[in-house]
Amino acid sequence: MNAPITPVIPRFVRTPDAALHLGLSARTLEKHRCYGTGPAYRKLGGRIVYAIADLDAWAEQGLRKSTSDPGTGTVYPAKRHYSQMVRR
């Protein structure tokens, strides 16, 4: 008898698949990477990959129960955040 085939669930995904997982465009995810506001990523050789667990953890930072809920973390927009600007 043939054993049932178990699907392989990837641990790491490239930018287009990571963006799809989060419901963002790949370009938005690239901007998050440049500004340091996005999920953790790894560079394997010349390739950027994201762990599914890291994508989910980043998205969980934005979890709110109501509009008055301050939450436990912040998911910043894909632009330079004020704390990253150099003070002169």
Protein backbone atom coordinates (compact mmCIF):
# COMPACT_ATOMS: atom_id res chain seq x y z
CA MET A 1 0.00 0.00 0.00
CA ASN A 2 1.03 3.55 -0.59
CA ALA A 3 1.54 5.72 2.46
CA PRO A 4 -0.33 9.02 2.42
CA ILE A 5 1.78 11.90 1.22
CA THR A 6 2.34 14.51 3.88
CA PRO A 7 2.56 18.03 2.47
CA VAL A 8 5.75 19.93 3.18
CA ILE A 9 5.10 23.15 5.06
CA PRO A 10 7.93 25.61 4.43
CA ARG A 11 9.71 27.17 7.40
CA PHE A 12 11.10 30.00 5.31
CA VAL A 13 9.53 31.94 2.46
CA ARG A 14 10.82 34.54 0.03
CA THR A 15 9.55 38.13 -0.05
CA PRO A 16 6.58 37.66 -2.43
CA ASP A 17 5.20 34.74 -0.40
CA ALA A 18 5.87 36.53 2.90
CA ALA A 19 3.98 39.57 1.64
CA LEU A 20 1.08 37.38 0.56
CA HIS A 21 1.05 35.73 3.99
CA LEU A 22 0.76 39.17 5.64
CA GLY A 23 -1.63 40.66 3.11
CA LEU A 24 0.90 43.28 2.02
CA SER A 25 2.56 44.01 -1.28
CA ALA A 26 6.10 42.75 -1.79
CA ARG A 27 7.24 46.36 -2.26
CA THR A 28 5.78 47.36 1.13
CA LEU A 29 7.61 44.48 2.79
CA GLU A 30 10.84 45.59 1.07
CA LYS A 31 10.34 49.12 2.43
CA HIS A 32 9.77 47.72 5.92
CA ARG A 33 13.06 45.85 5.57
CA CYS A 34 14.93 49.01 4.52
CA TYR A 35 13.52 51.12 7.36
CA GLY A 36 13.86 48.42 9.99
CA THR A 37 10.15 48.46 10.81
CA GLY A 38 9.26 45.03 9.46
CA PRO A 39 9.52 41.45 10.56
CA ALA A 40 12.87 39.77 11.21
CA TYR A 41 14.46 38.29 8.11
CA ARG A 42 17.45 36.17 7.21
CA LYS A 43 19.91 36.52 4.40
CA LEU A 44 20.91 33.12 3.03
CA GLY A 45 23.53 33.64 0.40
CA GLY A 46 22.07 36.45 -1.66
CA ARG A 47 18.46 35.59 -0.84
CA ILE A 48 16.19 37.24 1.70
CA VAL A 49 13.91 34.80 3.50
CA TYR A 50 11.40 35.15 6.30
CA ALA A 51 10.49 32.52 8.88
CA ILE A 52 6.74 32.00 9.05
CA ALA A 53 6.96 32.23 12.86
CA ASP A 54 8.66 35.65 12.58
CA LEU A 55 5.96 36.92 10.21
CA ASP A 56 3.23 35.79 12.59
CA ALA A 57 5.03 37.28 15.63
CA TRP A 58 5.41 40.65 13.86
CA ALA A 59 1.75 40.71 12.89
CA GLU A 60 0.74 39.83 16.46
CA GLN A 61 2.37 43.07 17.67
CA GLY A 62 -0.50 44.91 16.04
CA LEU A 63 -3.19 42.91 17.85
CA ARG A 64 -5.87 45.12 19.42
CA LYS A 65 -9.23 44.25 20.98
CA SER A 66 -10.76 47.70 20.53
CA THR A 67 -9.88 51.18 19.32
CA SER A 68 -9.01 52.18 22.88
CA ASP A 69 -6.75 49.15 23.45
CA PRO A 70 -3.10 50.33 23.52
CA GLY A 71 -1.89 46.79 22.80
CA THR A 72 1.51 45.43 23.70
CA GLY A 73 3.45 46.48 20.62
CA THR A 74 3.35 48.64 17.56
CA VAL A 75 3.50 47.80 13.88
CA TYR A 76 4.84 50.94 12.26
CA PRO A 77 4.02 52.04 8.71
CA ALA A 78 6.59 51.35 5.98
CA LYS A 79 8.37 54.68 6.31
CA ARG A 80 11.18 56.09 8.38
CA HIS A 81 10.11 56.11 12.01
CA TYR A 82 10.82 59.21 14.09
CA SER A 83 13.06 57.27 16.52
CA GLN A 84 15.36 56.39 13.60
CA MET A 85 15.99 60.01 12.61
CA VAL A 86 19.28 61.54 13.64
CA ARG A 87 18.91 64.45 16.02
CA ARG A 88 21.01 67.48 15.21
